[in-house]
Protein backbone atom coordinates (compact mmCIF):
# COMPACT_ATOMS: atom_id res chain seq x y z
CA UNK A 1 60.41 150.01 -198.73
CA UNK A 2 57.74 152.02 -199.18
CA UNK A 3 58.12 153.52 -202.59
CA UNK A 4 57.96 150.26 -203.95
CA UNK A 5 53.65 149.51 -204.87
CA UNK A 6 54.90 146.19 -204.06
CA UNK A 7 55.04 145.00 -200.28
CA UNK A 8 54.55 142.31 -197.80
CA UNK A 9 52.14 144.47 -195.59
CA UNK A 10 50.09 145.95 -198.12
CA UNK A 11 49.60 142.52 -199.82
CA UNK A 12 47.99 140.03 -197.06
CA UNK A 13 45.02 139.69 -197.61
CA UNK A 14 46.44 138.00 -201.16
CA UNK A 15 49.07 136.17 -199.90
CA UNK A 16 47.11 134.51 -197.65
CA UNK A 17 44.03 133.77 -200.62
CA UNK A 18 46.51 132.47 -203.21
CA UNK A 19 48.46 130.29 -200.35
CA UNK A 20 45.07 128.53 -198.83
CA UNK A 21 44.52 128.22 -202.19
CA UNK A 22 47.57 126.14 -203.22
CA UNK A 23 46.54 123.76 -200.30
CA UNK A 24 43.75 123.57 -202.01
CA UNK A 25 44.90 122.63 -205.30
CA UNK A 26 47.42 119.97 -202.84
CA UNK A 27 44.50 118.34 -201.06
CA UNK A 28 42.70 117.83 -204.50
CA UNK A 29 45.64 116.35 -205.40
CA UNK A 30 46.03 113.73 -202.84
CA UNK A 31 42.44 112.68 -203.07
CA UNK A 32 42.91 112.28 -207.01
CA UNK A 33 45.16 109.10 -206.34
CA UNK A 34 42.24 107.46 -205.01
CA UNK A 35 40.12 108.49 -208.24
CA UNK A 36 42.79 106.65 -210.03
CA UNK A 37 41.78 103.06 -211.46
CA UNK A 38 43.80 99.98 -211.33
CA UNK A 39 45.18 100.09 -215.20
CA UNK A 40 45.94 103.83 -214.65
CA UNK A 41 47.82 102.64 -211.34
CA UNK A 42 49.77 100.01 -213.40
CA UNK A 43 50.40 102.18 -215.68
CA UNK A 44 52.21 104.55 -213.11
CA UNK A 45 53.98 102.42 -211.41
CA UNK A 46 55.47 100.70 -214.58
CA UNK A 47 56.61 104.04 -215.10
CA UNK A 48 58.00 105.06 -211.74
CA UNK A 49 59.85 101.97 -211.87
CA UNK A 50 61.54 103.03 -215.08
CA UNK A 51 62.43 106.39 -213.14
CA UNK A 52 63.53 104.89 -209.86
CA UNK A 53 66.10 102.69 -212.10
CA UNK A 54 66.88 105.63 -214.41
CA UNK A 55 67.85 107.49 -211.14
CA UNK A 56 69.92 104.51 -209.77
CA UNK A 57 72.11 104.05 -212.47
CA UNK A 58 71.94 107.75 -214.13
CA UNK A 59 75.85 108.35 -215.25
CA UNK A 60 77.72 111.92 -214.73
CA UNK A 61 78.09 114.31 -217.45
CA UNK A 62 74.72 115.04 -218.64
CA UNK A 63 74.07 118.00 -216.07
CA UNK A 64 74.40 120.86 -218.03
CA UNK A 65 71.73 119.09 -220.20
CA UNK A 66 69.24 118.57 -217.20
CA UNK A 67 70.38 122.04 -215.75
CA UNK A 68 68.76 124.14 -218.53
CA UNK A 69 66.32 121.48 -218.80
CA UNK A 70 64.76 121.98 -215.07
CA UNK A 71 65.35 125.57 -215.00
CA UNK A 72 63.46 127.00 -218.46
CA UNK A 73 60.64 124.37 -216.72
CA UNK A 74 60.61 127.14 -213.93
CA UNK A 75 61.20 130.14 -215.77
CA UNK A 76 58.15 129.26 -218.58
CA UNK A 77 55.87 129.16 -215.07
CA UNK A 78 57.10 132.38 -213.67
CA UNK A 79 57.08 133.72 -217.65
CA UNK A 80 53.09 133.00 -218.01
CA UNK A 81 52.20 133.87 -214.85
CA UNK A 82 54.04 137.74 -215.60
CA UNK A 83 52.34 137.56 -219.04
CA UNK A 84 49.32 137.11 -217.24
CA UNK A 85 49.59 139.83 -214.63
CA UNK A 86 50.08 142.19 -217.95
CA UNK A 87 46.48 142.24 -218.58
CA UNK A 88 43.50 141.94 -216.82
CA UNK A 89 41.64 138.72 -218.35
CA UNK A 90 44.43 136.78 -217.10
CA UNK A 91 44.07 137.26 -213.90
CA UNK A 92 41.66 133.94 -213.52
CA UNK A 93 44.64 132.05 -214.83
CA UNK A 94 46.92 132.98 -212.34
CA UNK A 95 45.08 131.65 -209.70
CA UNK A 96 44.31 128.09 -211.79
CA UNK A 97 48.23 127.99 -211.97
CA UNK A 98 48.69 128.32 -208.75
CA UNK A 99 45.70 125.54 -207.71
CA UNK A 100 47.30 123.74 -210.62
CA UNK A 101 50.82 123.15 -209.05
CA UNK A 102 49.20 122.30 -206.05
CA UNK A 103 47.40 119.21 -207.34
CA UNK A 104 50.65 118.41 -208.76
CA UNK A 105 52.72 118.17 -206.11
CA UNK A 106 49.57 116.45 -203.97
CA UNK A 107 49.45 114.30 -206.42
CA UNK A 108 52.45 113.62 -206.62
CA UNK A 109 53.13 112.81 -202.73
CA UNK A 110 50.07 111.53 -202.67
CA UNK A 111 50.48 108.86 -204.55
CA UNK A 112 54.30 107.70 -203.58
CA UNK A 113 53.29 107.54 -200.19
CA UNK A 114 50.38 105.33 -200.63
CA UNK A 115 51.83 103.58 -203.03
CA UNK A 116 54.88 102.82 -200.95
CA UNK A 117 53.98 103.34 -197.72
CA UNK A 118 57.28 105.03 -195.47
CA UNK A 119 59.44 104.44 -198.24
CA UNK A 120 57.53 106.94 -200.69
CA UNK A 121 57.27 109.17 -198.15
CA UNK A 122 60.92 109.48 -197.71
CA UNK A 123 61.62 109.25 -201.40
CA UNK A 124 59.00 112.42 -201.58
CA UNK A 125 61.17 114.35 -199.16
CA UNK A 126 63.92 113.93 -201.25
CA UNK A 127 62.91 114.64 -203.87
CA UNK A 128 60.14 116.52 -204.55
CA UNK A 129 60.45 118.62 -201.09
CA UNK A 130 63.64 120.33 -201.10
CA UNK A 131 63.41 122.57 -204.90
CA UNK A 132 60.03 122.32 -203.45
CA UNK A 133 60.44 125.01 -200.22
CA UNK A 134 62.10 127.52 -202.49
CA UNK A 135 59.98 127.40 -205.75
CA UNK A 136 56.41 127.75 -203.75
CA UNK A 137 57.15 131.07 -202.03
CA UNK A 138 59.07 132.51 -205.44
CA UNK A 139 55.67 131.08 -207.48
CA UNK A 140 53.36 133.17 -204.77
CA UNK A 141 55.19 135.85 -204.44
CA UNK A 142 54.95 136.21 -208.64
CA UNK A 143 51.19 135.50 -208.52
CA UNK A 144 50.60 138.29 -206.07
CA UNK A 145 53.04 140.93 -207.82
CA UNK A 146 50.95 139.89 -211.27
CA UNK A 147 47.54 140.18 -209.36
CA UNK A 148 48.62 143.32 -208.21
CA UNK A 149 49.39 144.54 -211.10
CA UNK A 150 46.68 143.49 -212.60
CA UNK A 151 44.31 145.12 -210.45
CA UNK A 152 46.24 148.24 -210.64
CA UNK A 153 45.74 148.32 -214.21
CA UNK A 154 41.86 148.25 -213.25
CA UNK A 155 42.39 151.19 -211.15
CA UNK A 156 44.04 153.67 -212.99
CA UNK A 157 44.01 151.75 -216.91
CA UNK A 158 39.84 150.63 -216.80
CA UNK A 159 38.19 152.80 -214.10
CA UNK A 160 39.95 155.72 -214.32
CA UNK A 161 41.20 155.51 -210.22
CA UNK A 162 44.08 156.75 -210.53
CA UNK A 163 46.59 156.30 -207.11
CA UNK A 164 48.89 159.56 -206.73
CA UNK A 165 52.24 158.34 -205.04
CA UNK A 166 52.10 155.01 -206.87
CA UNK A 167 55.81 155.11 -208.28
CA UNK A 168 56.56 153.04 -211.72
CA UNK A 169 54.26 149.90 -210.28
CA UNK A 170 55.86 148.77 -213.72
CA UNK A 171 58.84 148.79 -213.22
CA UNK A 172 59.06 147.14 -209.74
CA UNK A 173 56.46 144.36 -211.33
CA UNK A 174 59.38 143.47 -213.65
CA UNK A 175 62.63 144.29 -211.25
CA UNK A 176 60.72 141.76 -208.35
CA UNK A 177 60.20 139.18 -211.83
CA UNK A 178 63.70 139.26 -212.40
CA UNK A 179 65.01 139.11 -209.06
CA UNK A 180 62.56 135.73 -208.46
CA UNK A 181 64.06 134.27 -211.43
CA UNK A 182 67.24 134.43 -210.48
CA UNK A 183 66.47 133.32 -207.99
CA UNK A 184 64.90 129.59 -210.09
CA UNK A 185 68.40 129.15 -211.56
CA UNK A 186 69.75 129.06 -208.01
CA UNK A 187 67.10 126.45 -207.58
CA UNK A 188 67.29 124.69 -210.74
CA UNK A 189 71.57 124.07 -209.86
CA UNK A 190 69.89 121.96 -206.12
CA UNK A 191 67.47 120.14 -208.03
CA UNK A 192 70.61 119.77 -210.43
CA UNK A 193 73.49 118.18 -208.55
CA UNK A 194 71.65 117.53 -204.89
CA UNK A 195 68.76 116.39 -205.59
CA UNK A 196 69.32 112.93 -207.69
CA UNK A 197 72.36 112.49 -205.11
CA UNK A 198 69.53 112.21 -202.40
CA UNK A 199 67.30 110.21 -204.81
CA UNK A 200 69.47 107.39 -205.96
CA UNK A 201 70.35 106.77 -201.97
CA UNK A 202 66.65 106.81 -201.44
CA UNK A 203 65.90 104.38 -204.68
CA UNK A 204 67.40 100.98 -204.00
CA UNK A 205 64.78 100.72 -200.90
CA UNK A 206 61.77 101.21 -203.26
CA UNK A 207 63.30 98.85 -206.17
CA UNK A 208 62.94 96.08 -203.77
CA UNK A 209 59.58 97.18 -203.77
CA UNK A 210 59.30 96.51 -207.32
C-alpha cells in the first residue's frame, strides 16, 4: 500500500501525538472528579441511581432505536472530524475533539471508581471499556487522516509546494473515513446488544450501594 497517502509508517509521529493528547485528556478527566462540589456529586449519584434502575429493568424490543441512536452518535463524531479535516482552520478542532473524548472517558471511569470502588471499576470494564477498545483507535485513525489531509492542503494549496507521486489524497481520505464509519456501525451493534447484557449483570451490586 505504498501508493496510499495515509500510511501508518509515514504518520507515526502524528499517531503518537494524538494518542498522547488523548491520554492527557483521560488523566485530566479523572482529576476533574476531585473538583466536583458536594451538590454536583449528589446530582450525579441520583442520576446514576436512576440510570442503574433503567438498565436493570430495561425491556426488550427497543434495541433497533437504541442501535441507531448509538450509531448516529459515533457517525456524527467521525463526520465532524472529517469536515474539520477538509479545512485548514479545522485542524485545531480535531485536537480538541480528541482531548474531549479522553476527558469524557477519564471522568466517567474516575467517577465510577471513586464513588463505587471496585464495583464501579467492574461496571466501567463492562460498560465503557469493551466498545471503546474499538471506538478509540478508529477515532484516532480518523483524526490522523484528517490532520494529514489538512497538512496536505496547506502544503499544496496554501504554500504551493506540489508533492509528486501523491495520487488522489482526497479519494483516499474519503475511502478511509467510510471504512472507519462502517466499522463503527459494527461496534454500535456490540454496544446495543452485548453491552447492556453485561451491564445488567453488574448493576444489582451497584444498586445495593444506593
